[in-house]
mmCIF file of all heavy atoms, coordinates in Angstrom:
data_MODEL
# 
_entry.id   MODEL 
# 
loop_
_atom_site.group_PDB 
_atom_site.id 
_atom_site.type_symbol 
_atom_site.label_atom_id 
_atom_site.label_alt_id 
_atom_site.label_comp_id 
_atom_site.label_asym_id 
_atom_site.label_entity_id 
_atom_site.label_seq_id 
_atom_site.pdbx_PDB_ins_code 
_atom_site.Cartn_x 
_atom_site.Cartn_y 
_atom_site.Cartn_z 
_atom_site.occupancy 
_atom_site.B_iso_or_equiv 
_atom_site.pdbx_formal_charge 
_atom_site.auth_seq_id 
_atom_site.auth_comp_id 
_atom_site.auth_asym_id 
_atom_site.auth_atom_id 
_atom_site.pdbx_PDB_model_num 
ATOM 1   N N   . HIS A 1 1  ? 0.851   -1.189  0.003  1.00 0.00 ? 1  HIS A N   1 
ATOM 2   C CA  . HIS A 1 1  ? 0.000   -0.002  -0.002 1.00 0.00 ? 1  HIS A CA  1 
ATOM 3   C C   . HIS A 1 1  ? 0.882   1.235   -0.004 1.00 0.00 ? 1  HIS A C   1 
ATOM 4   O O   . HIS A 1 1  ? 1.645   1.448   0.952  1.00 0.00 ? 1  HIS A O   1 
ATOM 5   C CB  . HIS A 1 1  ? -0.923  0.012   1.226  1.00 0.00 ? 1  HIS A CB  1 
ATOM 6   C CG  . HIS A 1 1  ? -2.052  -0.950  1.143  1.00 0.00 ? 1  HIS A CG  1 
ATOM 7   N ND1 . HIS A 1 1  ? -1.865  -2.318  1.027  1.00 0.00 ? 1  HIS A ND1 1 
ATOM 8   C CD2 . HIS A 1 1  ? -3.394  -0.763  1.158  1.00 0.00 ? 1  HIS A CD2 1 
ATOM 9   C CE1 . HIS A 1 1  ? -3.042  -2.910  0.963  1.00 0.00 ? 1  HIS A CE1 1 
ATOM 10  N NE2 . HIS A 1 1  ? -3.980  -1.993  1.036  1.00 0.00 ? 1  HIS A NE2 1 
ATOM 11  N N   . PRO A 1 2  ? 0.799   2.064   -1.029 1.00 0.00 ? 2  PRO A N   1 
ATOM 12  C CA  . PRO A 1 2  ? 1.608   3.277   -1.065 1.00 0.00 ? 2  PRO A CA  1 
ATOM 13  C C   . PRO A 1 2  ? 1.282   4.202   0.110  1.00 0.00 ? 2  PRO A C   1 
ATOM 14  O O   . PRO A 1 2  ? 0.168   4.183   0.646  1.00 0.00 ? 2  PRO A O   1 
ATOM 15  C CB  . PRO A 1 2  ? 1.214   3.930   -2.401 1.00 0.00 ? 2  PRO A CB  1 
ATOM 16  C CG  . PRO A 1 2  ? 0.643   2.818   -3.222 1.00 0.00 ? 2  PRO A CG  1 
ATOM 17  C CD  . PRO A 1 2  ? -0.022  1.897   -2.243 1.00 0.00 ? 2  PRO A CD  1 
ATOM 18  N N   . VAL A 1 3  ? 2.247   5.018   0.465  1.00 0.00 ? 3  VAL A N   1 
ATOM 19  C CA  . VAL A 1 3  ? 2.055   5.973   1.559  1.00 0.00 ? 3  VAL A CA  1 
ATOM 20  C C   . VAL A 1 3  ? 0.859   6.874   1.280  1.00 0.00 ? 3  VAL A C   1 
ATOM 21  O O   . VAL A 1 3  ? 0.050   7.166   2.170  1.00 0.00 ? 3  VAL A O   1 
ATOM 22  C CB  . VAL A 1 3  ? 3.335   6.804   1.784  1.00 0.00 ? 3  VAL A CB  1 
ATOM 23  C CG1 . VAL A 1 3  ? 3.060   7.985   2.725  1.00 0.00 ? 3  VAL A CG1 1 
ATOM 24  C CG2 . VAL A 1 3  ? 4.450   5.933   2.347  1.00 0.00 ? 3  VAL A CG2 1 
ATOM 25  N N   . GLN A 1 4  ? 0.716   7.318   0.031  1.00 0.00 ? 4  GLN A N   1 
ATOM 26  C CA  . GLN A 1 4  ? -0.382  8.218   -0.301 1.00 0.00 ? 4  GLN A CA  1 
ATOM 27  C C   . GLN A 1 4  ? -1.745  7.564   -0.079 1.00 0.00 ? 4  GLN A C   1 
ATOM 28  O O   . GLN A 1 4  ? -2.688  8.204   0.409  1.00 0.00 ? 4  GLN A O   1 
ATOM 29  C CB  . GLN A 1 4  ? -0.261  8.705   -1.744 1.00 0.00 ? 4  GLN A CB  1 
ATOM 30  C CG  . GLN A 1 4  ? -1.345  9.682   -2.182 1.00 0.00 ? 4  GLN A CG  1 
ATOM 31  C CD  . GLN A 1 4  ? -1.403  10.938  -1.307 1.00 0.00 ? 4  GLN A CD  1 
ATOM 32  O OE1 . GLN A 1 4  ? -0.364  11.407  -0.842 1.00 0.00 ? 4  GLN A OE1 1 
ATOM 33  N NE2 . GLN A 1 4  ? -2.593  11.454  -1.070 1.00 0.00 ? 4  GLN A NE2 1 
ATOM 34  N N   . THR A 1 5  ? -1.862  6.279   -0.439 1.00 0.00 ? 5  THR A N   1 
ATOM 35  C CA  . THR A 1 5  ? -3.120  5.569   -0.207 1.00 0.00 ? 5  THR A CA  1 
ATOM 36  C C   . THR A 1 5  ? -3.439  5.495   1.275  1.00 0.00 ? 5  THR A C   1 
ATOM 37  O O   . THR A 1 5  ? -4.589  5.678   1.689  1.00 0.00 ? 5  THR A O   1 
ATOM 38  C CB  . THR A 1 5  ? -3.043  4.147   -0.780 1.00 0.00 ? 5  THR A CB  1 
ATOM 39  O OG1 . THR A 1 5  ? -2.824  4.215   -2.184 1.00 0.00 ? 5  THR A OG1 1 
ATOM 40  C CG2 . THR A 1 5  ? -4.337  3.376   -0.516 1.00 0.00 ? 5  THR A CG2 1 
ATOM 41  N N   . LEU A 1 6  ? -2.430  5.246   2.091  1.00 0.00 ? 6  LEU A N   1 
ATOM 42  C CA  . LEU A 1 6  ? -2.640  5.188   3.532  1.00 0.00 ? 6  LEU A CA  1 
ATOM 43  C C   . LEU A 1 6  ? -3.036  6.548   4.078  1.00 0.00 ? 6  LEU A C   1 
ATOM 44  O O   . LEU A 1 6  ? -3.878  6.639   4.984  1.00 0.00 ? 6  LEU A O   1 
ATOM 45  C CB  . LEU A 1 6  ? -1.380  4.660   4.222  1.00 0.00 ? 6  LEU A CB  1 
ATOM 46  C CG  . LEU A 1 6  ? -1.039  3.195   3.909  1.00 0.00 ? 6  LEU A CG  1 
ATOM 47  C CD1 . LEU A 1 6  ? 0.302   2.805   4.513  1.00 0.00 ? 6  LEU A CD1 1 
ATOM 48  C CD2 . LEU A 1 6  ? -2.143  2.263   4.415  1.00 0.00 ? 6  LEU A CD2 1 
ATOM 49  N N   . LYS A 1 7  ? -2.472  7.610   3.527  1.00 0.00 ? 7  LYS A N   1 
ATOM 50  C CA  . LYS A 1 7  ? -2.866  8.952   3.962  1.00 0.00 ? 7  LYS A CA  1 
ATOM 51  C C   . LYS A 1 7  ? -4.326  9.227   3.591  1.00 0.00 ? 7  LYS A C   1 
ATOM 52  O O   . LYS A 1 7  ? -5.077  9.807   4.390  1.00 0.00 ? 7  LYS A O   1 
ATOM 53  C CB  . LYS A 1 7  ? -1.946  10.004  3.347  1.00 0.00 ? 7  LYS A CB  1 
ATOM 54  C CG  . LYS A 1 7  ? -0.561  10.059  3.970  1.00 0.00 ? 7  LYS A CG  1 
ATOM 55  C CD  . LYS A 1 7  ? 0.276   11.185  3.390  1.00 0.00 ? 7  LYS A CD  1 
ATOM 56  C CE  . LYS A 1 7  ? 1.622   11.282  4.094  1.00 0.00 ? 7  LYS A CE  1 
ATOM 57  N NZ  . LYS A 1 7  ? 2.453   12.393  3.546  1.00 0.00 ? 7  LYS A NZ  1 
ATOM 58  N N   . GLU A 1 8  ? -4.736  8.826   2.411  1.00 0.00 ? 8  GLU A N   1 
ATOM 59  C CA  . GLU A 1 8  ? -6.130  8.998   2.007  1.00 0.00 ? 8  GLU A CA  1 
ATOM 60  C C   . GLU A 1 8  ? -7.060  8.224   2.940  1.00 0.00 ? 8  GLU A C   1 
ATOM 61  O O   . GLU A 1 8  ? -8.142  8.718   3.322  1.00 0.00 ? 8  GLU A O   1 
ATOM 62  C CB  . GLU A 1 8  ? -6.319  8.542   0.565  1.00 0.00 ? 8  GLU A CB  1 
ATOM 63  C CG  . GLU A 1 8  ? -5.639  9.438   -0.463 1.00 0.00 ? 8  GLU A CG  1 
ATOM 64  C CD  . GLU A 1 8  ? -5.671  8.842   -1.861 1.00 0.00 ? 8  GLU A CD  1 
ATOM 65  O OE1 . GLU A 1 8  ? -6.172  7.705   -2.015 1.00 0.00 ? 8  GLU A OE1 1 
ATOM 66  O OE2 . GLU A 1 8  ? -5.192  9.508   -2.792 1.00 0.00 ? 8  GLU A OE2 1 
ATOM 67  N N   . THR A 1 9  ? -6.641  7.028   3.315  1.00 0.00 ? 9  THR A N   1 
ATOM 68  C CA  . THR A 1 9  ? -7.443  6.214   4.235  1.00 0.00 ? 9  THR A CA  1 
ATOM 69  C C   . THR A 1 9  ? -7.554  6.888   5.588  1.00 0.00 ? 9  THR A C   1 
ATOM 70  O O   . THR A 1 9  ? -8.650  6.934   6.186  1.00 0.00 ? 9  THR A O   1 
ATOM 71  C CB  . THR A 1 9  ? -6.794  4.825   4.394  1.00 0.00 ? 9  THR A CB  1 
ATOM 72  O OG1 . THR A 1 9  ? -6.649  4.199   3.111  1.00 0.00 ? 9  THR A OG1 1 
ATOM 73  C CG2 . THR A 1 9  ? -7.644  3.932   5.278  1.00 0.00 ? 9  THR A CG2 1 
ATOM 74  N N   . ILE A 1 10 ? -6.461  7.440   6.080  1.00 0.00 ? 10 ILE A N   1 
ATOM 75  C CA  . ILE A 1 10 ? -6.477  8.149   7.370  1.00 0.00 ? 10 ILE A CA  1 
ATOM 76  C C   . ILE A 1 10 ? -7.409  9.351   7.302  1.00 0.00 ? 10 ILE A C   1 
ATOM 77  O O   . ILE A 1 10 ? -8.187  9.609   8.232  1.00 0.00 ? 10 ILE A O   1 
ATOM 78  C CB  . ILE A 1 10 ? -5.051  8.577   7.746  1.00 0.00 ? 10 ILE A CB  1 
ATOM 79  C CG1 . ILE A 1 10 ? -4.200  7.350   8.092  1.00 0.00 ? 10 ILE A CG1 1 
ATOM 80  C CG2 . ILE A 1 10 ? -5.068  9.565   8.911  1.00 0.00 ? 10 ILE A CG2 1 
ATOM 81  C CD1 . ILE A 1 10 ? -2.708  7.628   8.174  1.00 0.00 ? 10 ILE A CD1 1 
ATOM 82  N N   . GLU A 1 11 ? -7.378  10.072  6.190  1.00 0.00 ? 11 GLU A N   1 
ATOM 83  C CA  . GLU A 1 11 ? -8.274  11.239  6.047  1.00 0.00 ? 11 GLU A CA  1 
ATOM 84  C C   . GLU A 1 11 ? -9.729  10.822  6.041  1.00 0.00 ? 11 GLU A C   1 
ATOM 85  O O   . GLU A 1 11 ? -10.594 11.511  6.590  1.00 0.00 ? 11 GLU A O   1 
ATOM 86  C CB  . GLU A 1 11 ? -7.930  11.999  4.777  1.00 0.00 ? 11 GLU A CB  1 
ATOM 87  C CG  . GLU A 1 11 ? -6.689  12.879  4.913  1.00 0.00 ? 11 GLU A CG  1 
ATOM 88  C CD  . GLU A 1 11 ? -6.609  13.942  3.840  1.00 0.00 ? 11 GLU A CD  1 
ATOM 89  O OE1 . GLU A 1 11 ? -6.675  13.577  2.655  1.00 0.00 ? 11 GLU A OE1 1 
ATOM 90  O OE2 . GLU A 1 11 ? -6.496  15.124  4.195  1.00 0.00 ? 11 GLU A OE2 1 
ATOM 91  N N   . LEU A 1 12 ? -10.013 9.684   5.404  1.00 0.00 ? 12 LEU A N   1 
ATOM 92  C CA  . LEU A 1 12 ? -11.391 9.171   5.406  1.00 0.00 ? 12 LEU A CA  1 
ATOM 93  C C   . LEU A 1 12 ? -11.835 8.868   6.837  1.00 0.00 ? 12 LEU A C   1 
ATOM 94  O O   . LEU A 1 12 ? -12.957 9.207   7.235  1.00 0.00 ? 12 LEU A O   1 
ATOM 95  C CB  . LEU A 1 12 ? -11.482 7.918   4.541  1.00 0.00 ? 12 LEU A CB  1 
ATOM 96  C CG  . LEU A 1 12 ? -12.855 7.246   4.467  1.00 0.00 ? 12 LEU A CG  1 
ATOM 97  C CD1 . LEU A 1 12 ? -13.824 8.113   3.683  1.00 0.00 ? 12 LEU A CD1 1 
ATOM 98  C CD2 . LEU A 1 12 ? -12.743 5.863   3.842  1.00 0.00 ? 12 LEU A CD2 1 
ATOM 99  N N   . MET A 1 13 ? -10.960 8.244   7.610  1.00 0.00 ? 13 MET A N   1 
ATOM 100 C CA  . MET A 1 13 ? -11.291 7.923   8.994  1.00 0.00 ? 13 MET A CA  1 
ATOM 101 C C   . MET A 1 13 ? -11.535 9.206   9.800  1.00 0.00 ? 13 MET A C   1 
ATOM 102 O O   . MET A 1 13 ? -12.466 9.293   10.604 1.00 0.00 ? 13 MET A O   1 
ATOM 103 C CB  . MET A 1 13 ? -10.166 7.123   9.660  1.00 0.00 ? 13 MET A CB  1 
ATOM 104 C CG  . MET A 1 13 ? -9.822  5.816   8.978  1.00 0.00 ? 13 MET A CG  1 
ATOM 105 S SD  . MET A 1 13 ? -11.239 4.727   8.754  1.00 0.00 ? 13 MET A SD  1 
ATOM 106 C CE  . MET A 1 13 ? -11.141 4.473   6.977  1.00 0.00 ? 13 MET A CE  1 
ATOM 107 N N   . TRP A 1 14 ? -10.679 10.187  9.601  1.00 0.00 ? 14 TRP A N   1 
ATOM 108 C CA  . TRP A 1 14 ? -10.833 11.460  10.325 1.00 0.00 ? 14 TRP A CA  1 
ATOM 109 C C   . TRP A 1 14 ? -12.168 12.124  9.989  1.00 0.00 ? 14 TRP A C   1 
ATOM 110 O O   . TRP A 1 14 ? -12.866 12.610  10.894 1.00 0.00 ? 14 TRP A O   1 
ATOM 111 C CB  . TRP A 1 14 ? -9.662  12.382  9.941  1.00 0.00 ? 14 TRP A CB  1 
ATOM 112 C CG  . TRP A 1 14 ? -9.871  13.807  10.360 1.00 0.00 ? 14 TRP A CG  1 
ATOM 113 C CD1 . TRP A 1 14 ? -10.044 14.281  11.628 1.00 0.00 ? 14 TRP A CD1 1 
ATOM 114 C CD2 . TRP A 1 14 ? -9.936  14.947  9.493  1.00 0.00 ? 14 TRP A CD2 1 
ATOM 115 N NE1 . TRP A 1 14 ? -10.200 15.653  11.616 1.00 0.00 ? 14 TRP A NE1 1 
ATOM 116 C CE2 . TRP A 1 14 ? -10.142 16.081  10.313 1.00 0.00 ? 14 TRP A CE2 1 
ATOM 117 C CE3 . TRP A 1 14 ? -9.819  15.108  8.112  1.00 0.00 ? 14 TRP A CE3 1 
ATOM 118 C CZ2 . TRP A 1 14 ? -10.245 17.364  9.781  1.00 0.00 ? 14 TRP A CZ2 1 
ATOM 119 C CZ3 . TRP A 1 14 ? -9.926  16.382  7.593  1.00 0.00 ? 14 TRP A CZ3 1 
ATOM 120 C CH2 . TRP A 1 14 ? -10.131 17.495  8.419  1.00 0.00 ? 14 TRP A CH2 1 
ATOM 121 N N   . LEU A 1 15 ? -12.536 12.139  8.728  1.00 0.00 ? 15 LEU A N   1 
ATOM 122 C CA  . LEU A 1 15 ? -13.767 12.798  8.323  1.00 0.00 ? 15 LEU A CA  1 
ATOM 123 C C   . LEU A 1 15 ? -14.981 12.212  9.037  1.00 0.00 ? 15 LEU A C   1 
ATOM 124 O O   . LEU A 1 15 ? -15.928 12.927  9.371  1.00 0.00 ? 15 LEU A O   1 
ATOM 125 C CB  . LEU A 1 15 ? -13.952 12.683  6.802  1.00 0.00 ? 15 LEU A CB  1 
ATOM 126 C CG  . LEU A 1 15 ? -15.150 13.405  6.202  1.00 0.00 ? 15 LEU A CG  1 
ATOM 127 C CD1 . LEU A 1 15 ? -15.023 14.907  6.380  1.00 0.00 ? 15 LEU A CD1 1 
ATOM 128 C CD2 . LEU A 1 15 ? -15.275 13.065  4.719  1.00 0.00 ? 15 LEU A CD2 1 
ATOM 129 N N   . TYR A 1 16 ? -14.932 10.886  9.298  1.00 0.00 ? 16 TYR A N   1 
ATOM 130 C CA  . TYR A 1 16 ? -16.076 10.215  9.924  1.00 0.00 ? 16 TYR A CA  1 
ATOM 131 C C   . TYR A 1 16 ? -15.806 9.827   11.378 1.00 0.00 ? 16 TYR A C   1 
ATOM 132 O O   . TYR A 1 16 ? -16.508 8.991   11.933 1.00 0.00 ? 16 TYR A O   1 
ATOM 133 C CB  . TYR A 1 16 ? -16.478 8.993   9.100  1.00 0.00 ? 16 TYR A CB  1 
ATOM 134 C CG  . TYR A 1 16 ? -16.975 9.378   7.734  1.00 0.00 ? 16 TYR A CG  1 
ATOM 135 C CD1 . TYR A 1 16 ? -16.259 9.032   6.589  1.00 0.00 ? 16 TYR A CD1 1 
ATOM 136 C CD2 . TYR A 1 16 ? -18.134 10.118  7.591  1.00 0.00 ? 16 TYR A CD2 1 
ATOM 137 C CE1 . TYR A 1 16 ? -16.698 9.415   5.339  1.00 0.00 ? 16 TYR A CE1 1 
ATOM 138 C CE2 . TYR A 1 16 ? -18.588 10.492  6.341  1.00 0.00 ? 16 TYR A CE2 1 
ATOM 139 C CZ  . TYR A 1 16 ? -17.878 10.142  5.211  1.00 0.00 ? 16 TYR A CZ  1 
ATOM 140 O OH  . TYR A 1 16 ? -18.317 10.519  3.977  1.00 0.00 ? 16 TYR A OH  1 
ATOM 141 N N   . LYS A 1 17 ? -14.754 10.415  11.976 1.00 0.00 ? 17 LYS A N   1 
ATOM 142 C CA  . LYS A 1 17 ? -14.497 10.262  13.411 1.00 0.00 ? 17 LYS A CA  1 
ATOM 143 C C   . LYS A 1 17 ? -14.195 8.816   13.815 1.00 0.00 ? 17 LYS A C   1 
ATOM 144 O O   . LYS A 1 17 ? -14.576 8.360   14.919 1.00 0.00 ? 17 LYS A O   1 
ATOM 145 C CB  . LYS A 1 17 ? -15.651 10.837  14.229 1.00 0.00 ? 17 LYS A CB  1 
ATOM 146 C CG  . LYS A 1 17 ? -15.904 12.320  13.933 1.00 0.00 ? 17 LYS A CG  1 
ATOM 147 C CD  . LYS A 1 17 ? -17.096 12.846  14.671 1.00 0.00 ? 17 LYS A CD  1 
ATOM 148 C CE  . LYS A 1 17 ? -17.323 14.325  14.371 1.00 0.00 ? 17 LYS A CE  1 
ATOM 149 N NZ  . LYS A 1 17 ? -17.565 14.621  12.946 1.00 0.00 ? 17 LYS A NZ  1 
ATOM 150 N N   . ILE A 1 18 ? -13.506 8.094   12.966 1.00 0.00 ? 18 ILE A N   1 
ATOM 151 C CA  . ILE A 1 18 ? -12.976 6.780   13.326 1.00 0.00 ? 18 ILE A CA  1 
ATOM 152 C C   . ILE A 1 18 ? -11.612 7.024   13.950 1.00 0.00 ? 18 ILE A C   1 
ATOM 153 O O   . ILE A 1 18 ? -10.696 7.523   13.282 1.00 0.00 ? 18 ILE A O   1 
ATOM 154 C CB  . ILE A 1 18 ? -12.842 5.880   12.081 1.00 0.00 ? 18 ILE A CB  1 
ATOM 155 C CG1 . ILE A 1 18 ? -14.206 5.724   11.388 1.00 0.00 ? 18 ILE A CG1 1 
ATOM 156 C CG2 . ILE A 1 18 ? -12.253 4.536   12.448 1.00 0.00 ? 18 ILE A CG2 1 
ATOM 157 C CD1 . ILE A 1 18 ? -15.280 5.105   12.242 1.00 0.00 ? 18 ILE A CD1 1 
ATOM 158 N N   . ASN A 1 19 ? -11.452 6.700   15.225 1.00 0.00 ? 19 ASN A N   1 
ATOM 159 C CA  . ASN A 1 19 ? -10.259 7.157   15.935 1.00 0.00 ? 19 ASN A CA  1 
ATOM 160 C C   . ASN A 1 19 ? -9.060  6.223   15.862 1.00 0.00 ? 19 ASN A C   1 
ATOM 161 O O   . ASN A 1 19 ? -7.967  6.605   16.275 1.00 0.00 ? 19 ASN A O   1 
ATOM 162 C CB  . ASN A 1 19 ? -10.585 7.487   17.402 1.00 0.00 ? 19 ASN A CB  1 
ATOM 163 C CG  . ASN A 1 19 ? -11.248 6.354   18.149 1.00 0.00 ? 19 ASN A CG  1 
ATOM 164 O OD1 . ASN A 1 19 ? -11.734 5.410   17.567 1.00 0.00 ? 19 ASN A OD1 1 
ATOM 165 N ND2 . ASN A 1 19 ? -11.278 6.452   19.466 1.00 0.00 ? 19 ASN A ND2 1 
ATOM 166 N N   . TYR A 1 20 ? -9.250  5.007   15.319 1.00 0.00 ? 20 TYR A N   1 
ATOM 167 C CA  . TYR A 1 20 ? -8.112  4.096   15.200 1.00 0.00 ? 20 TYR A CA  1 
ATOM 168 C C   . TYR A 1 20 ? -8.044  3.480   13.807 1.00 0.00 ? 20 TYR A C   1 
ATOM 169 O O   . TYR A 1 20 ? -9.075  3.165   13.205 1.00 0.00 ? 20 TYR A O   1 
ATOM 170 C CB  . TYR A 1 20 ? -8.205  2.956   16.222 1.00 0.00 ? 20 TYR A CB  1 
ATOM 171 C CG  . TYR A 1 20 ? -8.071  3.416   17.652 1.00 0.00 ? 20 TYR A CG  1 
ATOM 172 C CD1 . TYR A 1 20 ? -9.170  3.388   18.520 1.00 0.00 ? 20 TYR A CD1 1 
ATOM 173 C CD2 . TYR A 1 20 ? -6.857  3.872   18.148 1.00 0.00 ? 20 TYR A CD2 1 
ATOM 174 C CE1 . TYR A 1 20 ? -9.056  3.809   19.837 1.00 0.00 ? 20 TYR A CE1 1 
ATOM 175 C CE2 . TYR A 1 20 ? -6.728  4.303   19.475 1.00 0.00 ? 20 TYR A CE2 1 
ATOM 176 C CZ  . TYR A 1 20 ? -7.831  4.265   20.302 1.00 0.00 ? 20 TYR A CZ  1 
ATOM 177 O OH  . TYR A 1 20 ? -7.724  4.695   21.601 1.00 0.00 ? 20 TYR A OH  1 
ATOM 178 N N   . VAL A 1 21 ? -6.825  3.313   13.307 1.00 0.00 ? 21 VAL A N   1 
ATOM 179 C CA  . VAL A 1 21 ? -6.557  2.513   12.124 1.00 0.00 ? 21 VAL A CA  1 
ATOM 180 C C   . VAL A 1 21 ? -5.582  1.413   12.539 1.00 0.00 ? 21 VAL A C   1 
ATOM 181 O O   . VAL A 1 21 ? -4.461  1.690   12.960 1.00 0.00 ? 21 VAL A O   1 
ATOM 182 C CB  . VAL A 1 21 ? -5.955  3.335   10.970 1.00 0.00 ? 21 VAL A CB  1 
ATOM 183 C CG1 . VAL A 1 21 ? -5.545  2.428   9.811  1.00 0.00 ? 21 VAL A CG1 1 
ATOM 184 C CG2 . VAL A 1 21 ? -6.943  4.386   10.486 1.00 0.00 ? 21 VAL A CG2 1 
ATOM 185 N N   . HIS A 1 22 ? -6.046  0.188   12.476 1.00 0.00 ? 22 HIS A N   1 
ATOM 186 C CA  . HIS A 1 22 ? -5.273  -0.994  12.860 1.00 0.00 ? 22 HIS A CA  1 
ATOM 187 C C   . HIS A 1 22 ? -4.527  -1.487  11.622 1.00 0.00 ? 22 HIS A C   1 
ATOM 188 O O   . HIS A 1 22 ? -5.127  -1.760  10.580 1.00 0.00 ? 22 HIS A O   1 
ATOM 189 C CB  . HIS A 1 22 ? -6.259  -2.030  13.405 1.00 0.00 ? 22 HIS A CB  1 
ATOM 190 C CG  . HIS A 1 22 ? -5.720  -3.406  13.589 1.00 0.00 ? 22 HIS A CG  1 
ATOM 191 N ND1 . HIS A 1 22 ? -6.512  -4.452  14.002 1.00 0.00 ? 22 HIS A ND1 1 
ATOM 192 C CD2 . HIS A 1 22 ? -4.481  -3.939  13.439 1.00 0.00 ? 22 HIS A CD2 1 
ATOM 193 C CE1 . HIS A 1 22 ? -5.793  -5.552  14.083 1.00 0.00 ? 22 HIS A CE1 1 
ATOM 194 N NE2 . HIS A 1 22 ? -4.553  -5.270  13.738 1.00 0.00 ? 22 HIS A NE2 1 
ATOM 195 N N   . LEU A 1 23 ? -3.200  -1.601  11.732 1.00 0.00 ? 23 LEU A N   1 
ATOM 196 C CA  . LEU A 1 23 ? -2.356  -1.993  10.606 1.00 0.00 ? 23 LEU A CA  1 
ATOM 197 C C   . LEU A 1 23 ? -1.843  -3.414  10.796 1.00 0.00 ? 23 LEU A C   1 
ATOM 198 O O   . LEU A 1 23 ? -1.064  -3.689  11.728 1.00 0.00 ? 23 LEU A O   1 
ATOM 199 C CB  . LEU A 1 23 ? -1.169  -1.033  10.469 1.00 0.00 ? 23 LEU A CB  1 
ATOM 200 C CG  . LEU A 1 23 ? -1.533  0.437   10.199 1.00 0.00 ? 23 LEU A CG  1 
ATOM 201 C CD1 . LEU A 1 23 ? -0.310  1.319   10.406 1.00 0.00 ? 23 LEU A CD1 1 
ATOM 202 C CD2 . LEU A 1 23 ? -2.101  0.600   8.795  1.00 0.00 ? 23 LEU A CD2 1 
ATOM 203 N N   . HIS A 1 24 ? -2.296  -4.318  9.950  1.00 0.00 ? 24 HIS A N   1 
ATOM 204 C CA  . HIS A 1 24 ? -1.802  -5.696  9.952  1.00 0.00 ? 24 HIS A CA  1 
ATOM 205 C C   . HIS A 1 24 ? -0.471  -5.710  9.196  1.00 0.00 ? 24 HIS A C   1 
ATOM 206 O O   . HIS A 1 24 ? -0.428  -5.738  7.970  1.00 0.00 ? 24 HIS A O   1 
ATOM 207 C CB  . HIS A 1 24 ? -2.830  -6.604  9.273  1.00 0.00 ? 24 HIS A CB  1 
ATOM 208 C CG  . HIS A 1 24 ? -2.487  -8.054  9.279  1.00 0.00 ? 24 HIS A CG  1 
ATOM 209 N ND1 . HIS A 1 24 ? -2.563  -8.830  10.417 1.00 0.00 ? 24 HIS A ND1 1 
ATOM 210 C CD2 . HIS A 1 24 ? -2.061  -8.881  8.280  1.00 0.00 ? 24 HIS A CD2 1 
ATOM 211 C CE1 . HIS A 1 24 ? -2.213  -10.076 10.115 1.00 0.00 ? 24 HIS A CE1 1 
ATOM 212 N NE2 . HIS A 1 24 ? -1.910  -10.132 8.837  1.00 0.00 ? 24 HIS A NE2 1 
ATOM 213 N N   . LEU A 1 25 ? 0.636   -5.663  9.956  1.00 0.00 ? 25 LEU A N   1 
ATOM 214 C CA  . LEU A 1 25 ? 1.952   -5.385  9.383  1.00 0.00 ? 25 LEU A CA  1 
ATOM 215 C C   . LEU A 1 25 ? 2.712   -6.620  8.921  1.00 0.00 ? 25 LEU A C   1 
ATOM 216 O O   . LEU A 1 25 ? 3.676   -6.489  8.142  1.00 0.00 ? 25 LEU A O   1 
ATOM 217 C CB  . LEU A 1 25 ? 2.810   -4.644  10.417 1.00 0.00 ? 25 LEU A CB  1 
ATOM 218 C CG  . LEU A 1 25 ? 2.360   -3.235  10.804 1.00 0.00 ? 25 LEU A CG  1 
ATOM 219 C CD1 . LEU A 1 25 ? 3.162   -2.740  11.999 1.00 0.00 ? 25 LEU A CD1 1 
ATOM 220 C CD2 . LEU A 1 25 ? 2.529   -2.277  9.625  1.00 0.00 ? 25 LEU A CD2 1 
ATOM 221 N N   . SER A 1 26 ? 2.373   -7.798  9.393  1.00 0.00 ? 26 SER A N   1 
ATOM 222 C CA  . SER A 1 26 ? 3.149   -8.990  9.026  1.00 0.00 ? 26 SER A CA  1 
ATOM 223 C C   . SER A 1 26 ? 2.230   -10.165 8.778  1.00 0.00 ? 26 SER A C   1 
ATOM 224 O O   . SER A 1 26 ? 1.182   -10.312 9.416  1.00 0.00 ? 26 SER A O   1 
ATOM 225 C CB  . SER A 1 26 ? 4.147   -9.335  10.146 1.00 0.00 ? 26 SER A CB  1 
ATOM 226 O OG  . SER A 1 26 ? 3.474   -9.709  11.337 1.00 0.00 ? 26 SER A OG  1 
ATOM 227 N N   . ASP A 1 27 ? 2.637   -11.022 7.832  1.00 0.00 ? 27 ASP A N   1 
ATOM 228 C CA  . ASP A 1 27 ? 1.906   -12.238 7.544  1.00 0.00 ? 27 ASP A CA  1 
ATOM 229 C C   . ASP A 1 27 ? 2.854   -13.227 6.893  1.00 0.00 ? 27 ASP A C   1 
ATOM 230 O O   . ASP A 1 27 ? 4.067   -12.998 6.845  1.00 0.00 ? 27 ASP A O   1 
ATOM 231 C CB  . ASP A 1 27 ? 0.689   -11.947 6.661  1.00 0.00 ? 27 ASP A CB  1 
ATOM 232 C CG  . ASP A 1 27 ? -0.475  -12.859 6.991  1.00 0.00 ? 27 ASP A CG  1 
ATOM 233 O OD1 . ASP A 1 27 ? -0.437  -14.039 6.564  1.00 0.00 ? 27 ASP A OD1 1 
ATOM 234 O OD2 . ASP A 1 27 ? -1.414  -12.435 7.692  1.00 0.00 ? 27 ASP A OD2 1 
ATOM 235 N N   . ASN A 1 28 ? 2.315   -14.317 6.374  1.00 0.00 ? 28 ASN A N   1 
ATOM 236 C CA  . ASN A 1 28 ? 3.161   -15.410 5.914  1.00 0.00 ? 28 ASN A CA  1 
ATOM 237 C C   . ASN A 1 28 ? 4.127   -15.039 4.801  1.00 0.00 ? 28 ASN A C   1 
ATOM 238 O O   . ASN A 1 28 ? 5.224   -15.593 4.716  1.00 0.00 ? 28 ASN A O   1 
ATOM 239 C CB  . ASN A 1 28 ? 2.279   -16.581 5.436  1.00 0.00 ? 28 ASN A CB  1 
ATOM 240 C CG  . ASN A 1 28 ? 1.718   -17.377 6.600  1.00 0.00 ? 28 ASN A CG  1 
ATOM 241 O OD1 . ASN A 1 28 ? 2.388   -17.573 7.606  1.00 0.00 ? 28 ASN A OD1 1 
ATOM 242 N ND2 . ASN A 1 28 ? 0.484   -17.810 6.466  1.00 0.00 ? 28 ASN A ND2 1 
# 
């Protein structure tokens, strides 16, 4: 996920008052 996409996602959460973004950082 590019940094810009993650920033857009964070802005979406902010607009609708979602206070956490959980990042699944590792997998198989």
